[in-house]
N, C-alpha and C. Protein backbone atom coordinates (compact mmCIF):
# COMPACT_ATOMS: atom_id res chain seq x y z
N UNK A 1 0.82 -1.20 0.00
CA UNK A 1 0.00 0.00 0.00
C UNK A 1 0.87 1.26 0.00
N UNK A 2 1.97 1.22 0.76
CA UNK A 2 2.86 2.38 0.83
C UNK A 2 3.50 2.65 -0.53
N UNK A 3 3.95 1.60 -1.20
CA UNK A 3 4.57 1.79 -2.52
C UNK A 3 3.56 2.36 -3.50
N UNK A 4 2.32 1.88 -3.45
CA UNK A 4 1.28 2.39 -4.33
C UNK A 4 0.99 3.86 -4.02
N UNK A 5 0.97 4.23 -2.74
CA UNK A 5 0.75 5.62 -2.35
C UNK A 5 1.88 6.51 -2.85
N UNK A 6 3.10 6.03 -2.74
CA UNK A 6 4.25 6.81 -3.22
C UNK A 6 4.18 7.00 -4.73
N UNK A 7 3.80 5.95 -5.44
CA UNK A 7 3.64 6.08 -6.89
C UNK A 7 2.51 7.05 -7.20
N UNK A 8 1.37 6.89 -6.53
CA UNK A 8 0.24 7.78 -6.75
C UNK A 8 0.58 9.23 -6.48
N UNK A 9 1.40 9.47 -5.47
CA UNK A 9 1.80 10.84 -5.13
C UNK A 9 2.62 11.49 -6.23
N UNK A 10 3.24 10.69 -7.07
CA UNK A 10 4.04 11.26 -8.17
C UNK A 10 3.16 11.75 -9.31
N UNK A 11 1.88 11.34 -9.33
CA UNK A 11 1.01 11.75 -10.43
C UNK A 11 -0.29 12.43 -9.97
N UNK A 12 -0.56 12.41 -8.68
CA UNK A 12 -1.80 13.00 -8.16
C UNK A 12 -1.49 14.18 -7.25
N UNK A 13 -2.45 15.10 -7.14
CA UNK A 13 -2.29 16.25 -6.25
C UNK A 13 -2.31 15.83 -4.79
N UNK A 14 -3.16 14.84 -4.47
CA UNK A 14 -3.35 14.42 -3.08
C UNK A 14 -3.61 12.92 -3.03
N UNK A 15 -2.99 12.26 -2.07
CA UNK A 15 -3.21 10.83 -1.85
C UNK A 15 -3.53 10.62 -0.38
N UNK A 16 -4.68 10.01 -0.12
CA UNK A 16 -5.02 9.60 1.24
C UNK A 16 -4.66 8.13 1.36
N UNK A 17 -3.87 7.80 2.34
CA UNK A 17 -3.54 6.40 2.61
C UNK A 17 -4.28 6.00 3.88
N UNK A 18 -5.37 5.26 3.71
CA UNK A 18 -6.19 4.85 4.84
C UNK A 18 -5.71 3.48 5.31
N UNK A 19 -5.38 3.41 6.59
CA UNK A 19 -4.80 2.18 7.15
C UNK A 19 -5.50 1.83 8.45
N UNK A 20 -5.90 0.58 8.61
CA UNK A 20 -6.71 0.17 9.77
C UNK A 20 -5.93 0.11 11.08
N UNK A 21 -4.62 0.18 11.02
CA UNK A 21 -3.80 0.12 12.24
C UNK A 21 -3.14 1.46 12.51
N UNK A 22 -2.50 1.56 13.69
CA UNK A 22 -1.78 2.78 14.06
C UNK A 22 -0.37 2.80 13.46
N UNK A 23 0.13 1.63 13.12
CA UNK A 23 1.49 1.50 12.58
C UNK A 23 1.45 0.67 11.31
N UNK A 24 2.48 0.88 10.48
CA UNK A 24 2.64 0.06 9.28
C UNK A 24 3.62 -1.06 9.57
N UNK A 25 3.42 -2.19 8.92
CA UNK A 25 4.34 -3.30 9.10
C UNK A 25 5.39 -3.35 7.99
N UNK A 26 5.37 -2.38 7.12
CA UNK A 26 6.34 -2.32 6.02
C UNK A 26 7.70 -1.89 6.55
N UNK A 27 8.71 -1.94 5.68
CA UNK A 27 10.04 -1.54 6.12
C UNK A 27 10.07 -0.05 6.46
N UNK A 28 10.90 0.31 7.42
CA UNK A 28 10.92 1.67 7.96
C UNK A 28 11.31 2.71 6.92
N UNK A 29 12.13 2.35 5.95
CA UNK A 29 12.53 3.31 4.91
C UNK A 29 11.32 3.74 4.09
N UNK A 30 10.51 2.78 3.69
CA UNK A 30 9.32 3.08 2.89
C UNK A 30 8.31 3.87 3.71
N UNK A 31 8.13 3.51 4.96
CA UNK A 31 7.21 4.24 5.85
C UNK A 31 7.66 5.69 5.98
N UNK A 32 8.93 5.91 6.22
CA UNK A 32 9.46 7.26 6.39
C UNK A 32 9.31 8.07 5.11
N UNK A 33 9.53 7.43 3.97
CA UNK A 33 9.40 8.11 2.69
C UNK A 33 7.95 8.57 2.49
N UNK A 34 6.98 7.71 2.82
CA UNK A 34 5.57 8.08 2.69
C UNK A 34 5.20 9.20 3.65
N UNK A 35 5.69 9.11 4.89
CA UNK A 35 5.40 10.15 5.89
C UNK A 35 5.96 11.50 5.49
N UNK A 36 7.07 11.51 4.79
CA UNK A 36 7.71 12.78 4.42
C UNK A 36 7.26 13.31 3.06
N UNK A 37 6.39 12.58 2.37
CA UNK A 37 5.89 13.04 1.08
C UNK A 37 4.73 14.00 1.33
N UNK A 38 4.89 15.23 0.87
CA UNK A 38 3.95 16.31 1.20
C UNK A 38 2.50 16.04 0.79
N UNK A 39 2.29 15.39 -0.35
CA UNK A 39 0.91 15.20 -0.81
C UNK A 39 0.32 13.83 -0.44
N UNK A 40 0.96 13.14 0.50
CA UNK A 40 0.37 11.92 1.07
C UNK A 40 -0.11 12.24 2.47
N UNK A 41 -1.39 11.98 2.71
CA UNK A 41 -1.94 12.14 4.06
C UNK A 41 -2.28 10.77 4.61
N UNK A 42 -1.66 10.42 5.71
CA UNK A 42 -1.92 9.14 6.36
C UNK A 42 -3.15 9.26 7.24
N UNK A 43 -4.10 8.38 7.05
CA UNK A 43 -5.32 8.33 7.86
C UNK A 43 -5.28 6.98 8.57
N UNK A 44 -4.73 7.00 9.78
CA UNK A 44 -4.48 5.76 10.51
C UNK A 44 -5.66 5.35 11.38
N UNK A 45 -5.66 4.11 11.81
CA UNK A 45 -6.75 3.55 12.63
C UNK A 45 -8.10 3.77 11.97
N UNK A 46 -8.15 3.61 10.66
CA UNK A 46 -9.38 3.93 9.93
C UNK A 46 -9.64 2.91 8.82
N UNK A 47 -10.93 2.83 8.46
CA UNK A 47 -11.35 1.98 7.36
C UNK A 47 -12.32 2.75 6.48
N UNK A 48 -12.40 2.39 5.21
CA UNK A 48 -13.37 3.00 4.30
C UNK A 48 -14.69 2.28 4.50
N UNK A 49 -15.72 3.04 4.85
CA UNK A 49 -17.06 2.48 5.08
C UNK A 49 -17.93 2.57 3.84
N UNK A 50 -17.70 3.61 3.03
CA UNK A 50 -18.57 3.82 1.87
C UNK A 50 -17.84 4.62 0.81
N UNK A 51 -18.11 4.27 -0.45
CA UNK A 51 -17.62 5.05 -1.59
C UNK A 51 -18.84 5.74 -2.16
N UNK A 52 -18.79 7.08 -2.28
CA UNK A 52 -19.95 7.85 -2.72
C UNK A 52 -19.72 8.41 -4.12
N UNK A 53 -20.82 8.50 -4.87
CA UNK A 53 -20.79 9.05 -6.21
C UNK A 53 -21.84 8.37 -7.07
N UNK A 54 -22.20 9.01 -8.17
CA UNK A 54 -23.17 8.42 -9.09
C UNK A 54 -22.42 7.64 -10.17
N UNK A 55 -22.05 8.32 -11.24
CA UNK A 55 -21.27 7.66 -12.29
C UNK A 55 -19.79 7.63 -11.96
N UNK A 56 -19.34 8.57 -11.16
CA UNK A 56 -17.93 8.68 -10.80
C UNK A 56 -17.79 8.80 -9.29
N UNK A 57 -16.65 8.40 -8.79
CA UNK A 57 -16.38 8.54 -7.36
C UNK A 57 -16.30 10.02 -7.02
N UNK A 58 -16.99 10.43 -5.96
CA UNK A 58 -16.96 11.82 -5.50
C UNK A 58 -16.29 11.94 -4.13
N UNK A 59 -16.53 10.94 -3.27
CA UNK A 59 -15.97 11.00 -1.93
C UNK A 59 -15.99 9.60 -1.30
N UNK A 60 -15.30 9.51 -0.17
CA UNK A 60 -15.34 8.28 0.62
C UNK A 60 -15.70 8.63 2.05
N UNK A 61 -16.38 7.72 2.71
CA UNK A 61 -16.71 7.87 4.12
C UNK A 61 -15.75 6.97 4.89
N UNK A 62 -14.97 7.58 5.77
CA UNK A 62 -13.93 6.88 6.52
C UNK A 62 -14.33 6.82 7.99
N UNK A 63 -14.19 5.64 8.60
CA UNK A 63 -14.52 5.46 10.01
C UNK A 63 -13.25 5.20 10.82
N UNK A 64 -13.10 5.96 11.90
CA UNK A 64 -12.01 5.71 12.86
C UNK A 64 -12.39 4.44 13.62
N UNK A 65 -11.52 3.43 13.61
CA UNK A 65 -11.86 2.15 14.23
C UNK A 65 -11.93 2.22 15.75
N UNK A 66 -11.32 3.23 16.35
CA UNK A 66 -11.36 3.38 17.81
C UNK A 66 -12.55 4.20 18.28
N UNK A 67 -12.78 5.35 17.65
CA UNK A 67 -13.84 6.26 18.10
C UNK A 67 -15.15 6.08 17.36
N UNK A 68 -15.12 5.40 16.22
CA UNK A 68 -16.27 5.20 15.33
C UNK A 68 -16.71 6.50 14.65
N UNK A 69 -15.91 7.57 14.78
CA UNK A 69 -16.22 8.85 14.14
C UNK A 69 -16.09 8.68 12.63
N UNK A 70 -17.07 9.25 11.90
CA UNK A 70 -17.07 9.20 10.44
C UNK A 70 -16.57 10.52 9.87
N UNK A 71 -15.75 10.43 8.84
CA UNK A 71 -15.23 11.61 8.15
C UNK A 71 -15.40 11.39 6.66
N UNK A 72 -15.89 12.41 5.96
CA UNK A 72 -16.04 12.32 4.51
C UNK A 72 -14.88 13.04 3.84
N UNK A 73 -14.23 12.34 2.92
CA UNK A 73 -13.09 12.91 2.19
C UNK A 73 -13.44 12.98 0.71
N UNK A 74 -13.25 14.16 0.10
CA UNK A 74 -13.47 14.31 -1.34
C UNK A 74 -12.31 13.66 -2.08
N UNK A 75 -12.65 12.72 -2.97
CA UNK A 75 -11.63 12.02 -3.76
C UNK A 75 -12.16 11.80 -5.18
N UNK A 76 -11.25 11.61 -6.11
CA UNK A 76 -11.62 11.33 -7.50
C UNK A 76 -11.51 9.85 -7.85
N UNK A 77 -10.86 9.09 -6.99
CA UNK A 77 -10.68 7.66 -7.27
C UNK A 77 -10.31 6.91 -6.01
N UNK A 78 -10.48 5.60 -6.07
CA UNK A 78 -10.15 4.73 -4.94
C UNK A 78 -9.33 3.56 -5.49
N UNK A 79 -8.20 3.31 -4.86
CA UNK A 79 -7.35 2.19 -5.23
C UNK A 79 -7.17 1.32 -3.99
N UNK A 80 -7.56 0.07 -4.09
CA UNK A 80 -7.46 -0.84 -2.96
C UNK A 80 -6.13 -1.57 -3.07
N UNK A 81 -5.33 -1.44 -2.05
CA UNK A 81 -4.01 -2.09 -2.00
C UNK A 81 -3.91 -2.82 -0.68
N UNK A 82 -3.31 -3.97 -0.70
CA UNK A 82 -3.10 -4.70 0.54
C UNK A 82 -1.61 -4.94 0.72
N UNK A 83 -1.19 -5.01 1.93
CA UNK A 83 0.20 -5.32 2.21
C UNK A 83 0.45 -6.80 2.05
N UNK A 84 1.69 -7.18 2.26
CA UNK A 84 2.01 -8.60 2.18
C UNK A 84 3.19 -8.89 3.09
N UNK A 85 3.21 -10.10 3.57
CA UNK A 85 4.34 -10.58 4.35
C UNK A 85 5.07 -11.60 3.50
N UNK A 86 6.33 -11.34 3.25
CA UNK A 86 7.10 -12.31 2.48
C UNK A 86 7.33 -13.55 3.33
N UNK A 87 7.21 -14.68 2.74
CA UNK A 87 7.44 -15.96 3.43
C UNK A 87 8.79 -16.50 2.96
N UNK A 88 9.85 -15.80 3.34
CA UNK A 88 11.19 -16.15 2.86
C UNK A 88 12.15 -16.52 3.98
N UNK A 89 11.66 -16.63 5.20
CA UNK A 89 12.54 -16.94 6.33
C UNK A 89 13.38 -18.20 6.10
N UNK A 90 12.80 -19.18 5.42
CA UNK A 90 13.51 -20.43 5.19
C UNK A 90 14.72 -20.26 4.26
N UNK A 91 14.81 -19.10 3.60
CA UNK A 91 15.91 -18.84 2.67
C UNK A 91 17.03 -17.99 3.26
N UNK A 92 16.85 -17.49 4.47
CA UNK A 92 17.78 -16.49 5.03
C UNK A 92 19.23 -16.95 5.11
N UNK A 93 19.48 -18.24 5.22
CA UNK A 93 20.85 -18.75 5.26
C UNK A 93 21.35 -19.17 3.89
N UNK A 94 20.52 -18.98 2.88
CA UNK A 94 20.86 -19.42 1.53
C UNK A 94 21.09 -18.27 0.56
N UNK A 95 20.19 -17.28 0.59
CA UNK A 95 20.30 -16.12 -0.31
C UNK A 95 20.21 -14.84 0.50
N UNK A 96 20.68 -13.73 -0.08
CA UNK A 96 20.60 -12.44 0.61
C UNK A 96 19.17 -11.91 0.53
N UNK A 97 18.69 -11.41 1.69
CA UNK A 97 17.37 -10.80 1.80
C UNK A 97 17.56 -9.35 2.22
N UNK A 98 16.63 -8.47 1.81
CA UNK A 98 16.70 -7.09 2.28
C UNK A 98 16.03 -6.98 3.65
N UNK A 99 15.94 -5.75 4.18
CA UNK A 99 15.40 -5.55 5.52
C UNK A 99 13.92 -5.94 5.64
N UNK A 100 13.23 -6.05 4.50
CA UNK A 100 11.82 -6.46 4.50
C UNK A 100 11.65 -7.96 4.31
N UNK A 101 12.75 -8.66 4.15
CA UNK A 101 12.67 -10.10 3.90
C UNK A 101 12.49 -10.45 2.44
N UNK A 102 12.62 -9.46 1.56
CA UNK A 102 12.50 -9.71 0.13
C UNK A 102 13.83 -10.26 -0.40
N UNK A 103 13.74 -11.18 -1.35
CA UNK A 103 14.93 -11.77 -1.96
C UNK A 103 15.58 -10.74 -2.88
N UNK A 104 16.86 -10.49 -2.67
CA UNK A 104 17.59 -9.54 -3.51
C UNK A 104 18.00 -10.25 -4.79
N UNK A 105 17.59 -9.67 -5.94
CA UNK A 105 17.94 -10.24 -7.24
C UNK A 105 18.62 -9.20 -8.11
N UNK A 106 19.32 -9.68 -9.14
CA UNK A 106 19.91 -8.76 -10.11
C UNK A 106 18.99 -8.68 -11.34
N UNK A 107 19.47 -8.05 -12.42
CA UNK A 107 18.63 -7.86 -13.61
C UNK A 107 18.22 -9.16 -14.30
N UNK A 108 18.94 -10.25 -14.03
CA UNK A 108 18.58 -11.53 -14.63
C UNK A 108 17.81 -12.42 -13.65
N UNK A 109 17.38 -11.85 -12.55
CA UNK A 109 16.62 -12.55 -11.50
C UNK A 109 17.47 -13.54 -10.72
N UNK A 110 18.80 -13.42 -10.82
CA UNK A 110 19.70 -14.28 -10.06
C UNK A 110 19.79 -13.77 -8.62
N UNK A 111 19.88 -14.69 -7.68
CA UNK A 111 20.06 -14.34 -6.27
C UNK A 111 21.55 -14.37 -5.94
N UNK A 112 21.87 -14.19 -4.70
CA UNK A 112 23.27 -14.22 -4.26
C UNK A 112 23.85 -15.64 -4.24
N UNK A 113 23.00 -16.63 -4.42
CA UNK A 113 23.46 -18.03 -4.45
C UNK A 113 23.39 -18.53 -5.89
N UNK A 114 24.53 -18.92 -6.43
CA UNK A 114 24.59 -19.35 -7.82
C UNK A 114 23.60 -20.48 -8.09
N UNK A 115 22.84 -20.32 -9.18
CA UNK A 115 21.88 -21.33 -9.58
C UNK A 115 20.49 -21.17 -9.00
N UNK A 116 20.31 -20.18 -8.13
CA UNK A 116 18.98 -19.92 -7.57
C UNK A 116 18.47 -18.60 -8.13
N UNK A 117 17.30 -18.66 -8.75
CA UNK A 117 16.68 -17.49 -9.36
C UNK A 117 15.33 -17.26 -8.68
N UNK A 118 14.89 -16.02 -8.65
CA UNK A 118 13.63 -15.69 -7.99
C UNK A 118 12.89 -14.63 -8.78
N UNK A 119 11.58 -14.59 -8.61
CA UNK A 119 10.75 -13.60 -9.31
C UNK A 119 9.49 -13.35 -8.50
N UNK A 120 8.83 -12.25 -8.82
CA UNK A 120 7.54 -11.95 -8.22
C UNK A 120 7.61 -11.12 -6.96
N UNK A 121 6.55 -11.15 -6.20
CA UNK A 121 6.38 -10.27 -5.04
C UNK A 121 7.35 -10.55 -3.90
N UNK A 122 8.01 -11.69 -3.90
CA UNK A 122 8.97 -11.98 -2.82
C UNK A 122 10.35 -11.39 -3.10
N UNK A 123 10.51 -10.75 -4.26
CA UNK A 123 11.81 -10.16 -4.59
C UNK A 123 11.80 -8.65 -4.35
N UNK A 124 12.98 -8.05 -4.44
CA UNK A 124 13.11 -6.61 -4.23
C UNK A 124 12.76 -5.80 -5.47
N UNK A 125 12.12 -6.41 -6.44
CA UNK A 125 11.67 -5.70 -7.64
C UNK A 125 10.52 -4.77 -7.27
N UNK A 126 10.57 -3.51 -7.73
CA UNK A 126 9.46 -2.59 -7.41
C UNK A 126 8.20 -2.95 -8.22
N UNK A 127 7.10 -2.33 -7.89
CA UNK A 127 5.83 -2.48 -8.59
C UNK A 127 5.31 -3.91 -8.47
N UNK A 128 4.70 -4.21 -7.36
CA UNK A 128 4.18 -5.54 -7.07
C UNK A 128 2.86 -5.73 -7.82
N UNK A 129 2.97 -6.04 -9.08
CA UNK A 129 1.81 -6.23 -9.94
C UNK A 129 1.92 -7.58 -10.63
N UNK A 130 0.79 -8.20 -10.95
CA UNK A 130 0.79 -9.52 -11.58
C UNK A 130 1.56 -9.51 -12.90
N UNK A 131 1.36 -8.47 -13.70
CA UNK A 131 2.03 -8.42 -15.00
C UNK A 131 3.54 -8.29 -14.84
N UNK A 132 3.99 -7.56 -13.83
CA UNK A 132 5.43 -7.45 -13.55
C UNK A 132 5.97 -8.80 -13.09
N UNK A 133 5.24 -9.45 -12.20
CA UNK A 133 5.67 -10.77 -11.70
C UNK A 133 5.75 -11.78 -12.84
N UNK A 134 4.80 -11.72 -13.78
CA UNK A 134 4.82 -12.64 -14.91
C UNK A 134 6.06 -12.41 -15.77
N UNK A 135 6.36 -11.14 -16.04
CA UNK A 135 7.56 -10.82 -16.82
C UNK A 135 8.83 -11.25 -16.11
N UNK A 136 8.89 -10.99 -14.80
CA UNK A 136 10.05 -11.40 -14.02
C UNK A 136 10.16 -12.92 -13.97
N UNK A 137 9.03 -13.61 -13.92
CA UNK A 137 9.04 -15.07 -13.94
C UNK A 137 9.62 -15.60 -15.24
N UNK A 138 9.27 -14.96 -16.34
CA UNK A 138 9.83 -15.34 -17.64
C UNK A 138 11.34 -15.12 -17.66
N UNK A 139 11.78 -13.96 -17.16
CA UNK A 139 13.23 -13.69 -17.10
C UNK A 139 13.94 -14.72 -16.23
N UNK A 140 13.35 -15.05 -15.09
CA UNK A 140 13.96 -16.02 -14.18
C UNK A 140 14.06 -17.39 -14.86
N UNK A 141 13.01 -17.79 -15.58
CA UNK A 141 13.02 -19.08 -16.27
C UNK A 141 14.09 -19.11 -17.35
N UNK A 142 14.19 -18.04 -18.15
CA UNK A 142 15.22 -17.97 -19.19
C UNK A 142 16.62 -17.98 -18.58
N UNK A 143 16.78 -17.25 -17.50
CA UNK A 143 18.08 -17.20 -16.82
C UNK A 143 18.45 -18.56 -16.24
N UNK A 144 17.48 -19.25 -15.65
CA UNK A 144 17.74 -20.59 -15.11
C UNK A 144 18.09 -21.56 -16.23
N UNK A 145 17.38 -21.47 -17.35
CA UNK A 145 17.67 -22.30 -18.51
C UNK A 145 19.11 -22.06 -18.98
N UNK A 146 19.47 -20.79 -19.13
CA UNK A 146 20.83 -20.44 -19.56
C UNK A 146 21.86 -20.94 -18.56
N UNK A 147 21.57 -20.80 -17.28
CA UNK A 147 22.52 -21.24 -16.25
C UNK A 147 22.74 -22.75 -16.36
N UNK A 148 21.64 -23.48 -16.54
CA UNK A 148 21.75 -24.93 -16.68
C UNK A 148 22.55 -25.33 -17.92
N UNK A 149 22.44 -24.54 -18.98
CA UNK A 149 23.16 -24.80 -20.22
C UNK A 149 24.58 -24.23 -20.20
N UNK A 150 24.90 -23.48 -19.16
CA UNK A 150 26.24 -22.88 -19.06
C UNK A 150 26.42 -21.62 -19.87
N UNK A 151 25.29 -20.97 -20.21
CA UNK A 151 25.34 -19.74 -21.02
C UNK A 151 25.23 -18.54 -20.09
N UNK A 152 26.05 -17.51 -20.30
CA UNK A 152 25.96 -16.28 -19.51
C UNK A 152 24.96 -15.34 -20.19
N UNK A 153 24.24 -14.55 -19.41
CA UNK A 153 23.29 -13.58 -19.96
C UNK A 153 21.86 -14.02 -19.75
N UNK A 154 20.92 -13.24 -20.27
CA UNK A 154 19.51 -13.53 -20.03
C UNK A 154 18.76 -14.05 -21.24
N UNK A 155 19.35 -14.02 -22.44
CA UNK A 155 18.61 -14.44 -23.63
C UNK A 155 18.87 -15.91 -23.91
N UNK A 156 17.82 -16.70 -23.95
CA UNK A 156 17.96 -18.13 -24.27
C UNK A 156 17.84 -18.31 -25.77
N UNK A 157 18.63 -19.21 -26.32
CA UNK A 157 18.54 -19.53 -27.74
C UNK A 157 17.82 -20.86 -27.86
N UNK A 158 16.57 -20.81 -28.23
CA UNK A 158 15.74 -22.01 -28.24
C UNK A 158 15.96 -22.85 -29.50
N UNK A 159 16.51 -22.29 -30.49
CA UNK A 159 16.75 -23.02 -31.74
C UNK A 159 16.90 -22.03 -32.87
N UNK A 160 17.49 -22.48 -33.92
CA UNK A 160 17.69 -21.61 -35.09
C UNK A 160 16.65 -21.97 -36.14
N UNK A 161 16.17 -20.95 -36.85
CA UNK A 161 15.20 -21.24 -37.92
C UNK A 161 15.85 -22.10 -39.00
N UNK A 162 15.06 -22.97 -39.60
CA UNK A 162 15.62 -23.84 -40.64
C UNK A 162 15.65 -23.18 -41.99
């Protein structure tokens, strides 16, 4: 959610980041970056109760989970983002992980351990989107194929035209 808010802040005048807890479980660097971004407003201990508008979104009704107080915020759009916990603890003695537990990879999806490749949301690749993960998965597969064949680089040669 924090990464999405930071991206949104680069193209929108105002970003409300509504979070049901008082604290974020993301890495402290990303949290600090969001807190220091002028056009991101953190709305903590809150949930969205209602999205208002006819053909287009006009506002959202936000409820404080502690006080039950409702606040209406004028918005032009709503983006639902959820956080994630990487399940990479079992790899900590095998490959390098960042402070969030994400697997550190290079441009060919190789990890710090030769012959191990990774892709998707468990890696330190930005933009946690399905289409990005699919592309990274393809790169990882090609890189693994090349590694098995003893070829350096990311492009696999599947065969020559006849």
